[in-house]
């Protein structure tokens, strides 16, 4: 984070002030105004305003009109810790096996509103690769993992309806009807494949992971450059990803007799 001009404050003092600002956000009051933040922290107006602007630039906060909310950057950094270390620990061996079996990067995704976040990765050993890193946040409507959430998590539709559909490439689905059709395919197949929906040269294949109650816990999938994997490979790789999803589900206590539900 940029240092306050002329402040000369120690890093610890600045961090303490940042923490005071973050303490202004709560479930009861998630979007305070700048004046409310100034009153709650008791910081000088000019100091508080500079810090808030720095936090906006760094992704700690987002702004909507005259109100502020916790930024997607802060959500991204927090997700791996809040998602559940036990889930990651239990599923990580499945990711590594999927990577070894296919040669491609295997990822575990959690949903956060209208976005999906990578919470675990087993990286490909290929020289030519697309970077997939823990903490990456991607839109729900673009890419295969999002179709899995839409197929098996009813709450995903409400979040997406509030967010809107941004087009990233010519292949990005930008209508709810197209997404409903894709979600239906994901439910029928038990996996979904997408090519060039978020980045033109990136594809993905994803499948659901259920918990011990039978509810969708997360999504597992492959990410790859389209120069190496194309639509002709889906018939071979789709069932492999679906099996990995089932193995991950079993690791979370899912009853495999529900697999056909």
C-alpha atoms as a PDB file:
ATOM      1  CA  UNK A   1       0.000   0.000   0.000  1.00  0.00           C
ATOM      2  CA  UNK A   2       1.250   3.491  -0.843  1.00  0.00           C
ATOM      3  CA  UNK A   3       2.609   5.536   2.049  1.00  0.00           C
ATOM      4  CA  UNK A   4       0.656   8.614   3.122  1.00  0.00           C
ATOM      5  CA  UNK A   5       2.289  11.697   1.636  1.00  0.00           C
ATOM      6  CA  UNK A   6       4.181  13.542   4.335  1.00  0.00           C
ATOM      7  CA  UNK A   7       2.777  11.360   7.085  1.00  0.00           C
ATOM      8  CA  UNK A   8       6.070   9.884   8.268  1.00  0.00           C
ATOM      9  CA  UNK A   9       4.093   7.274  10.199  1.00  0.00           C
ATOM     10  CA  UNK A  10       5.534   3.868  11.001  1.00  0.00           C
ATOM     11  CA  UNK A  11       4.170   0.880   9.050  1.00  0.00           C
ATOM     12  CA  UNK A  12       2.608  -0.518  12.234  1.00  0.00           C
ATOM     13  CA  UNK A  13       0.775   2.738  12.917  1.00  0.00           C
ATOM     14  CA  UNK A  14      -0.549   2.830   9.347  1.00  0.00           C
ATOM     15  CA  UNK A  15      -1.681  -0.797   9.614  1.00  0.00           C
ATOM     16  CA  UNK A  16      -3.475   0.020  12.861  1.00  0.00           C
ATOM     17  CA  UNK A  17      -5.359   2.811  11.093  1.00  0.00           C
ATOM     18  CA  UNK A  18      -6.230   0.474   8.205  1.00  0.00           C
ATOM     19  CA  UNK A  19      -7.562  -2.053  10.723  1.00  0.00           C
ATOM     20  CA  UNK A  20      -9.688   0.671  12.313  1.00  0.00           C
ATOM     21  CA  UNK A  21     -11.181   1.475   8.918  1.00  0.00           C
ATOM     22  CA  UNK A  22     -11.899  -2.198   8.176  1.00  0.00           C
ATOM     23  CA  UNK A  23     -13.607  -2.491  11.571  1.00  0.00           C
ATOM     24  CA  UNK A  24     -16.218  -0.040  10.274  1.00  0.00           C
ATOM     25  CA  UNK A  25     -17.615  -2.775   8.019  1.00  0.00           C
ATOM     26  CA  UNK A  26     -19.986  -5.360   9.469  1.00  0.00           C
ATOM     27  CA  UNK A  27     -22.863  -7.623   8.470  1.00  0.00           C
ATOM     28  CA  UNK A  28     -25.244  -5.063   9.978  1.00  0.00           C
ATOM     29  CA  UNK A  29     -23.578  -2.100   8.211  1.00  0.00           C
ATOM     30  CA  UNK A  30     -21.719  -3.453   5.154  1.00  0.00           C
ATOM     31  CA  UNK A  31     -21.600  -0.186   3.150  1.00  0.00           C
ATOM     32  CA  UNK A  32     -20.741   2.900   5.255  1.00  0.00           C
ATOM     33  CA  UNK A  33     -20.113   6.324   3.752  1.00  0.00           C
ATOM     34  CA  UNK A  34     -16.795   8.129   4.114  1.00  0.00           C
ATOM     35  CA  UNK A  35     -18.278  10.430   6.752  1.00  0.00           C
ATOM     36  CA  UNK A  36     -19.463   7.403   8.754  1.00  0.00           C
ATOM     37  CA  UNK A  37     -15.975   5.894   8.551  1.00  0.00           C
ATOM     38  CA  UNK A  38     -14.427   9.161   9.748  1.00  0.00           C
ATOM     39  CA  UNK A  39     -16.831   9.337  12.696  1.00  0.00           C
ATOM     40  CA  UNK A  40     -16.370   5.697  13.697  1.00  0.00           C
ATOM     41  CA  UNK A  41     -12.569   5.723  13.515  1.00  0.00           C
ATOM     42  CA  UNK A  42     -12.060   9.190  14.959  1.00  0.00           C
ATOM     43  CA  UNK A  43      -9.257   9.725  12.427  1.00  0.00           C
ATOM     44  CA  UNK A  44      -8.601  13.195  10.998  1.00  0.00           C
ATOM     45  CA  UNK A  45     -10.693  13.704   7.875  1.00  0.00           C
ATOM     46  CA  UNK A  46      -7.704  14.185   5.548  1.00  0.00           C
ATOM     47  CA  UNK A  47      -5.882  11.130   6.941  1.00  0.00           C
ATOM     48  CA  UNK A  48      -8.947   8.911   6.688  1.00  0.00           C
ATOM     49  CA  UNK A  49      -9.683  10.053   3.139  1.00  0.00           C
ATOM     50  CA  UNK A  50      -6.104   9.343   1.985  1.00  0.00           C
ATOM     51  CA  UNK A  51      -6.112   5.888   3.558  1.00  0.00           C
ATOM     52  CA  UNK A  52      -9.511   5.015   2.064  1.00  0.00           C
ATOM     53  CA  UNK A  53      -8.307   6.084  -1.403  1.00  0.00           C
ATOM     54  CA  UNK A  54      -5.172   3.936  -1.011  1.00  0.00           C
ATOM     55  CA  UNK A  55      -7.305   0.988   0.102  1.00  0.00           C
ATOM     56  CA  UNK A  56      -9.498   1.436  -2.980  1.00  0.00           C
ATOM     57  CA  UNK A  57      -6.451   1.320  -5.255  1.00  0.00           C
ATOM     58  CA  UNK A  58      -5.089  -1.811  -3.559  1.00  0.00           C
ATOM     59  CA  UNK A  59      -8.398  -3.706  -3.688  1.00  0.00           C
ATOM     60  CA  UNK A  60      -9.060  -3.603   0.059  1.00  0.00           C
ATOM     61  CA  UNK A  61     -12.258  -1.623  -0.605  1.00  0.00           C
ATOM     62  CA  UNK A  62     -14.722  -1.066  -3.440  1.00  0.00           C
ATOM     63  CA  UNK A  63     -16.876   2.025  -3.959  1.00  0.00           C
ATOM     64  CA  UNK A  64     -20.477   2.321  -5.106  1.00  0.00           C
ATOM     65  CA  UNK A  65     -21.533   5.956  -5.293  1.00  0.00           C
ATOM     66  CA  UNK A  66     -20.829   7.530  -1.916  1.00  0.00           C
ATOM     67  CA  UNK A  67     -20.695   4.185  -0.114  1.00  0.00           C
ATOM     68  CA  UNK A  68     -17.818   1.763   0.417  1.00  0.00           C
ATOM     69  CA  UNK A  69     -17.712  -1.983   0.851  1.00  0.00           C
ATOM     70  CA  UNK A  70     -15.079  -4.675   1.399  1.00  0.00           C
ATOM     71  CA  UNK A  71     -13.159  -5.077  -1.865  1.00  0.00           C
ATOM     72  CA  UNK A  72     -12.957  -8.166  -4.039  1.00  0.00           C
ATOM     73  CA  UNK A  73      -9.183  -8.184  -3.475  1.00  0.00           C
ATOM     74  CA  UNK A  74      -9.631  -8.627   0.253  1.00  0.00           C
ATOM     75  CA  UNK A  75     -12.264 -11.301  -0.373  1.00  0.00           C
ATOM     76  CA  UNK A  76      -9.834 -13.088  -2.707  1.00  0.00           C
ATOM     77  CA  UNK A  77      -7.077 -13.181  -0.084  1.00  0.00           C
ATOM     78  CA  UNK A  78      -9.457 -14.363   2.629  1.00  0.00           C
ATOM     79  CA  UNK A  79     -11.215 -17.112   0.676  1.00  0.00           C
ATOM     80  CA  UNK A  80      -8.575 -19.866   1.011  1.00  0.00           C
ATOM     81  CA  UNK A  81      -8.680 -19.454   4.802  1.00  0.00           C
ATOM     82  CA  UNK A  82     -12.438 -19.122   5.175  1.00  0.00           C
ATOM     83  CA  UNK A  83     -13.399 -21.854   2.733  1.00  0.00           C
ATOM     84  CA  UNK A  84     -12.219 -24.608   5.044  1.00  0.00           C
ATOM     85  CA  UNK A  85      -8.750 -26.053   5.375  1.00  0.00           C
ATOM     86  CA  UNK A  86     -10.193 -29.534   5.929  1.00  0.00           C
ATOM     87  CA  UNK A  87     -11.909 -29.499   2.529  1.00  0.00           C
ATOM     88  CA  UNK A  88      -8.722 -28.433   0.780  1.00  0.00           C
ATOM     89  CA  UNK A  89      -6.671 -31.005   2.676  1.00  0.00           C
ATOM     90  CA  UNK A  90      -9.084 -33.829   1.845  1.00  0.00           C
ATOM     91  CA  UNK A  91      -9.458 -32.943  -1.827  1.00  0.00           C
ATOM     92  CA  UNK A  92      -5.834 -32.010  -2.627  1.00  0.00           C
ATOM     93  CA  UNK A  93      -4.781 -35.647  -3.308  1.00  0.00           C
ATOM     94  CA  UNK A  94      -7.620 -35.936  -5.838  1.00  0.00           C
ATOM     95  CA  UNK A  95      -6.375 -32.783  -7.586  1.00  0.00           C
ATOM     96  CA  UNK A  96      -2.864 -34.180  -7.761  1.00  0.00           C
ATOM     97  CA  UNK A  97      -4.141 -37.459  -9.178  1.00  0.00           C
ATOM     98  CA  UNK A  98      -6.241 -35.612 -11.768  1.00  0.00           C
ATOM     99  CA  UNK A  99      -3.201 -33.542 -12.783  1.00  0.00           C
ATOM    100  CA  UNK A 100      -1.040 -36.645 -13.079  1.00  0.00           C
ATOM    101  CA  UNK A 101      -3.666 -38.558 -15.075  1.00  0.00           C
ATOM    102  CA  UNK A 102      -4.362 -35.772 -17.570  1.00  0.00           C
ATOM    103  CA  UNK A 103      -1.145 -33.757 -17.521  1.00  0.00           C
ATOM    104  CA  UNK A 104      -3.136 -30.517 -17.106  1.00  0.00           C
ATOM    105  CA  UNK A 105      -3.573 -28.092 -14.214  1.00  0.00           C
ATOM    106  CA  UNK A 106      -6.260 -29.243 -11.765  1.00  0.00           C
ATOM    107  CA  UNK A 107      -8.123 -26.686  -9.638  1.00  0.00           C
ATOM    108  CA  UNK A 108     -10.660 -26.600  -6.825  1.00  0.00           C
ATOM    109  CA  UNK A 109     -13.188 -23.753  -6.936  1.00  0.00           C
ATOM    110  CA  UNK A 110     -15.447 -22.214  -4.310  1.00  0.00           C
ATOM    111  CA  UNK A 111     -18.349 -19.892  -5.113  1.00  0.00           C
ATOM    112  CA  UNK A 112     -18.539 -16.416  -3.612  1.00  0.00           C
ATOM    113  CA  UNK A 113     -21.647 -14.657  -4.881  1.00  0.00           C
ATOM    114  CA  UNK A 114     -21.407 -14.218  -8.642  1.00  0.00           C
ATOM    115  CA  UNK A 115     -17.722 -15.186  -8.659  1.00  0.00           C
ATOM    116  CA  UNK A 116     -15.663 -18.355  -8.315  1.00  0.00           C
ATOM    117  CA  UNK A 117     -12.340 -18.466  -6.515  1.00  0.00           C
ATOM    118  CA  UNK A 118      -9.538 -21.006  -6.822  1.00  0.00           C
ATOM    119  CA  UNK A 119      -8.840 -22.457  -3.369  1.00  0.00           C
ATOM    120  CA  UNK A 120      -6.404 -25.235  -4.326  1.00  0.00           C
ATOM    121  CA  UNK A 121      -4.235 -26.051  -7.364  1.00  0.00           C
ATOM    122  CA  UNK A 122      -2.167 -28.954  -8.667  1.00  0.00           C
ATOM    123  CA  UNK A 123      -0.145 -27.290 -11.416  1.00  0.00           C
ATOM    124  CA  UNK A 124       0.692 -28.871 -14.772  1.00  0.00           C
ATOM    125  CA  UNK A 125       4.276 -29.785 -15.538  1.00  0.00           C
ATOM    126  CA  UNK A 126       3.947 -28.651 -19.157  1.00  0.00           C
ATOM    127  CA  UNK A 127       6.193 -25.781 -20.209  1.00  0.00           C
ATOM    128  CA  UNK A 128       3.325 -24.148 -22.121  1.00  0.00           C
ATOM    129  CA  UNK A 129       0.674 -23.344 -19.538  1.00  0.00           C
ATOM    130  CA  UNK A 130      -1.854 -20.773 -18.383  1.00  0.00           C
ATOM    131  CA  UNK A 131      -1.309 -19.591 -14.798  1.00  0.00           C
ATOM    132  CA  UNK A 132      -3.932 -20.719 -12.298  1.00  0.00           C
ATOM    133  CA  UNK A 133      -3.207 -19.553  -8.753  1.00  0.00           C
ATOM    134  CA  UNK A 134      -4.878 -19.917  -5.375  1.00  0.00           C
ATOM    135  CA  UNK A 135      -6.905 -16.791  -4.761  1.00  0.00           C
ATOM    136  CA  UNK A 136      -7.733 -16.052  -8.405  1.00  0.00           C
ATOM    137  CA  UNK A 137     -11.281 -14.683  -8.711  1.00  0.00           C
ATOM    138  CA  UNK A 138     -13.223 -15.247 -11.938  1.00  0.00           C
ATOM    139  CA  UNK A 139     -16.790 -14.511 -13.034  1.00  0.00           C
ATOM    140  CA  UNK A 140     -19.338 -17.257 -12.585  1.00  0.00           C
ATOM    141  CA  UNK A 141     -20.882 -17.072 -16.056  1.00  0.00           C
ATOM    142  CA  UNK A 142     -17.625 -17.486 -18.011  1.00  0.00           C
ATOM    143  CA  UNK A 143     -15.875 -20.855 -17.912  1.00  0.00           C
ATOM    144  CA  UNK A 144     -16.829 -24.437 -17.070  1.00  0.00           C
ATOM    145  CA  UNK A 145     -16.686 -24.275 -13.233  1.00  0.00           C
ATOM    146  CA  UNK A 146     -19.363 -21.591 -13.177  1.00  0.00           C
ATOM    147  CA  UNK A 147     -21.745 -23.820 -15.147  1.00  0.00           C
ATOM    148  CA  UNK A 148     -21.311 -26.484 -12.485  1.00  0.00           C
ATOM    149  CA  UNK A 149     -22.315 -24.028  -9.759  1.00  0.00           C
ATOM    150  CA  UNK A 150     -25.302 -22.916 -11.829  1.00  0.00           C
ATOM    151  CA  UNK A 151     -26.302 -26.539 -12.422  1.00  0.00           C
ATOM    152  CA  UNK A 152     -26.150 -27.711  -8.809  1.00  0.00           C
ATOM    153  CA  UNK A 153     -26.348 -24.593  -6.585  1.00  0.00           C
ATOM    154  CA  UNK A 154     -29.669 -22.702  -6.783  1.00  0.00           C
ATOM    155  CA  UNK A 155     -28.206 -19.735  -4.926  1.00  0.00           C
ATOM    156  CA  UNK A 156     -25.810 -19.088  -7.797  1.00  0.00           C
ATOM    157  CA  UNK A 157     -28.644 -17.847 -10.005  1.00  0.00           C
ATOM    158  CA  UNK A 158     -29.734 -15.147  -7.561  1.00  0.00           C
ATOM    159  CA  UNK A 159     -26.161 -13.887  -7.244  1.00  0.00           C
ATOM    160  CA  UNK A 160     -25.675 -13.855 -11.009  1.00  0.00           C
ATOM    161  CA  UNK A 161     -28.952 -12.043 -11.603  1.00  0.00           C
ATOM    162  CA  UNK A 162     -27.755  -9.188  -9.372  1.00  0.00           C
ATOM    163  CA  UNK A 163     -24.299  -9.009 -10.948  1.00  0.00           C
ATOM    164  CA  UNK A 164     -25.117  -8.949 -14.665  1.00  0.00           C
ATOM    165  CA  UNK A 165     -23.318 -10.690 -17.546  1.00  0.00           C
ATOM    166  CA  UNK A 166     -20.189  -9.085 -18.952  1.00  0.00           C
ATOM    167  CA  UNK A 167     -18.859 -10.243 -22.312  1.00  0.00           C
ATOM    168  CA  UNK A 168     -15.136 -11.024 -22.282  1.00  0.00           C
ATOM    169  CA  UNK A 169     -14.805 -12.737 -25.667  1.00  0.00           C
ATOM    170  CA  UNK A 170     -17.056 -13.575 -28.592  1.00  0.00           C
ATOM    171  CA  UNK A 171     -17.776 -16.913 -26.863  1.00  0.00           C
ATOM    172  CA  UNK A 172     -18.843 -15.527 -23.462  1.00  0.00           C
ATOM    173  CA  UNK A 173     -22.498 -16.383 -22.753  1.00  0.00           C
ATOM    174  CA  UNK A 174     -24.317 -13.105 -22.103  1.00  0.00           C
ATOM    175  CA  UNK A 175     -27.917 -14.296 -21.812  1.00  0.00           C
ATOM    176  CA  UNK A 176     -29.636 -16.167 -18.983  1.00  0.00           C
ATOM    177  CA  UNK A 177     -31.272 -18.491 -21.506  1.00  0.00           C
ATOM    178  CA  UNK A 178     -27.885 -19.646 -22.821  1.00  0.00           C
ATOM    179  CA  UNK A 179     -26.675 -20.194 -19.264  1.00  0.00           C
ATOM    180  CA  UNK A 180     -29.791 -22.234 -18.424  1.00  0.00           C
ATOM    181  CA  UNK A 181     -29.115 -24.456 -21.429  1.00  0.00           C
ATOM    182  CA  UNK A 182     -25.476 -24.877 -20.414  1.00  0.00           C
ATOM    183  CA  UNK A 183     -26.455 -25.665 -16.817  1.00  0.00           C
ATOM    184  CA  UNK A 184     -28.865 -28.323 -18.078  1.00  0.00           C
ATOM    185  CA  UNK A 185     -26.045 -29.927 -20.080  1.00  0.00           C
ATOM    186  CA  UNK A 186     -23.808 -29.895 -16.993  1.00  0.00           C
ATOM    187  CA  UNK A 187     -26.505 -31.630 -14.923  1.00  0.00           C
ATOM    188  CA  UNK A 188     -27.099 -34.256 -17.606  1.00  0.00           C
ATOM    189  CA  UNK A 189     -23.432 -35.010 -18.268  1.00  0.00           C
ATOM    190  CA  UNK A 190     -22.110 -34.602 -14.739  1.00  0.00           C
ATOM    191  CA  UNK A 191     -19.439 -32.254 -16.111  1.00  0.00           C
ATOM    192  CA  UNK A 192     -19.120 -29.275 -18.422  1.00  0.00           C
ATOM    193  CA  UNK A 193     -16.497 -28.106 -20.921  1.00  0.00           C
ATOM    194  CA  UNK A 194     -15.970 -24.513 -22.070  1.00  0.00           C
ATOM    195  CA  UNK A 195     -13.541 -22.949 -24.517  1.00  0.00           C
ATOM    196  CA  UNK A 196     -12.576 -19.302 -24.867  1.00  0.00           C
ATOM    197  CA  UNK A 197     -15.344 -17.901 -22.665  1.00  0.00           C
ATOM    198  CA  UNK A 198     -13.126 -15.807 -20.372  1.00  0.00           C
ATOM    199  CA  UNK A 199      -9.857 -15.759 -22.336  1.00  0.00           C
ATOM    200  CA  UNK A 200      -9.855 -16.765 -25.992  1.00  0.00           C
ATOM    201  CA  UNK A 201      -6.906 -19.138 -25.575  1.00  0.00           C
ATOM    202  CA  UNK A 202      -8.049 -20.874 -22.366  1.00  0.00           C
ATOM    203  CA  UNK A 203     -10.411 -23.808 -21.865  1.00  0.00           C
ATOM    204  CA  UNK A 204     -11.742 -25.677 -18.860  1.00  0.00           C
ATOM    205  CA  UNK A 205     -13.598 -28.847 -17.923  1.00  0.00           C
ATOM    206  CA  UNK A 206     -15.289 -29.026 -14.522  1.00  0.00           C
ATOM    207  CA  UNK A 207     -17.436 -31.319 -12.370  1.00  0.00           C
ATOM    208  CA  UNK A 208     -19.321 -31.007  -9.066  1.00  0.00           C
ATOM    209  CA  UNK A 209     -18.047 -31.968  -5.621  1.00  0.00           C
ATOM    210  CA  UNK A 210     -20.750 -32.768  -3.049  1.00  0.00           C
ATOM    211  CA  UNK A 211     -20.454 -32.850   0.733  1.00  0.00           C
ATOM    212  CA  UNK A 212     -21.780 -35.444   3.191  1.00  0.00           C
ATOM    213  CA  UNK A 213     -25.280 -33.907   3.040  1.00  0.00           C
ATOM    214  CA  UNK A 214     -25.461 -34.213  -0.745  1.00  0.00           C
ATOM    215  CA  UNK A 215     -25.150 -30.460  -1.285  1.00  0.00           C
ATOM    216  CA  UNK A 216     -22.687 -28.913  -3.700  1.00  0.00           C
ATOM    217  CA  UNK A 217     -19.512 -28.053  -1.783  1.00  0.00           C
ATOM    218  CA  UNK A 218     -17.250 -26.884  -4.597  1.00  0.00           C
ATOM    219  CA  UNK A 219     -16.208 -27.658  -8.158  1.00  0.00           C
ATOM    220  CA  UNK A 220     -13.158 -29.492  -9.414  1.00  0.00           C
ATOM    221  CA  UNK A 221     -11.742 -28.985 -12.860  1.00  0.00           C
ATOM    222  CA  UNK A 222      -8.974 -28.759 -15.419  1.00  0.00           C
ATOM    223  CA  UNK A 223      -7.644 -25.539 -16.929  1.00  0.00           C
ATOM    224  CA  UNK A 224      -5.535 -25.601 -20.085  1.00  0.00           C
ATOM    225  CA  UNK A 225      -4.411 -23.673 -23.185  1.00  0.00           C
ATOM    226  CA  UNK A 226      -6.677 -24.343 -26.158  1.00  0.00           C
ATOM    227  CA  UNK A 227      -3.622 -24.935 -28.341  1.00  0.00           C
ATOM    228  CA  UNK A 228      -3.140 -28.212 -26.469  1.00  0.00           C
ATOM    229  CA  UNK A 229      -6.693 -29.276 -25.538  1.00  0.00           C
ATOM    230  CA  UNK A 230      -9.707 -28.745 -27.784  1.00  0.00           C
ATOM    231  CA  UNK A 231     -13.363 -29.820 -28.095  1.00  0.00           C
ATOM    232  CA  UNK A 232     -12.297 -33.153 -29.586  1.00  0.00           C
ATOM    233  CA  UNK A 233     -10.642 -34.039 -26.254  1.00  0.00           C
ATOM    234  CA  UNK A 234     -13.796 -33.545 -24.156  1.00  0.00           C
ATOM    235  CA  UNK A 235     -15.121 -37.054 -24.799  1.00  0.00           C
ATOM    236  CA  UNK A 236     -11.887 -38.424 -23.303  1.00  0.00           C
ATOM    237  CA  UNK A 237     -11.305 -35.930 -20.490  1.00  0.00           C
ATOM    238  CA  UNK A 238     -14.876 -35.148 -19.406  1.00  0.00           C
ATOM    239  CA  UNK A 239     -15.489 -38.524 -17.727  1.00  0.00           C
ATOM    240  CA  UNK A 240     -12.042 -38.336 -16.085  1.00  0.00           C
ATOM    241  CA  UNK A 241     -12.948 -34.999 -14.468  1.00  0.00           C
ATOM    242  CA  UNK A 242     -16.373 -36.360 -13.463  1.00  0.00           C
ATOM    243  CA  UNK A 243     -14.695 -39.319 -11.734  1.00  0.00           C
ATOM    244  CA  UNK A 244     -12.377 -36.923  -9.922  1.00  0.00           C
ATOM    245  CA  UNK A 245     -15.437 -34.989  -8.740  1.00  0.00           C
ATOM    246  CA  UNK A 246     -16.954 -38.183  -7.389  1.00  0.00           C
ATOM    247  CA  UNK A 247     -13.703 -39.146  -5.656  1.00  0.00           C
ATOM    248  CA  UNK A 248     -13.483 -35.694  -4.086  1.00  0.00           C
ATOM    249  CA  UNK A 249     -17.120 -35.997  -2.984  1.00  0.00           C
ATOM    250  CA  UNK A 250     -16.405 -39.343  -1.335  1.00  0.00           C
ATOM    251  CA  UNK A 251     -13.448 -37.761   0.453  1.00  0.00           C
ATOM    252  CA  UNK A 252     -15.941 -35.291   1.955  1.00  0.00           C
ATOM    253  CA  UNK A 253     -18.238 -38.093   3.112  1.00  0.00           C
ATOM    254  CA  UNK A 254     -20.638 -38.108   0.175  1.00  0.00           C
ATOM    255  CA  UNK A 255     -22.637 -41.319  -0.260  1.00  0.00           C
ATOM    256  CA  UNK A 256     -21.721 -42.571  -3.750  1.00  0.00           C
ATOM    257  CA  UNK A 257     -25.178 -44.120  -4.117  1.00  0.00           C
ATOM    258  CA  UNK A 258     -26.426 -40.538  -4.677  1.00  0.00           C
ATOM    259  CA  UNK A 259     -24.148 -40.076  -7.688  1.00  0.00           C
ATOM    260  CA  UNK A 260     -26.958 -40.627 -10.165  1.00  0.00           C
ATOM    261  CA  UNK A 261     -29.337 -38.160  -8.434  1.00  0.00           C
END
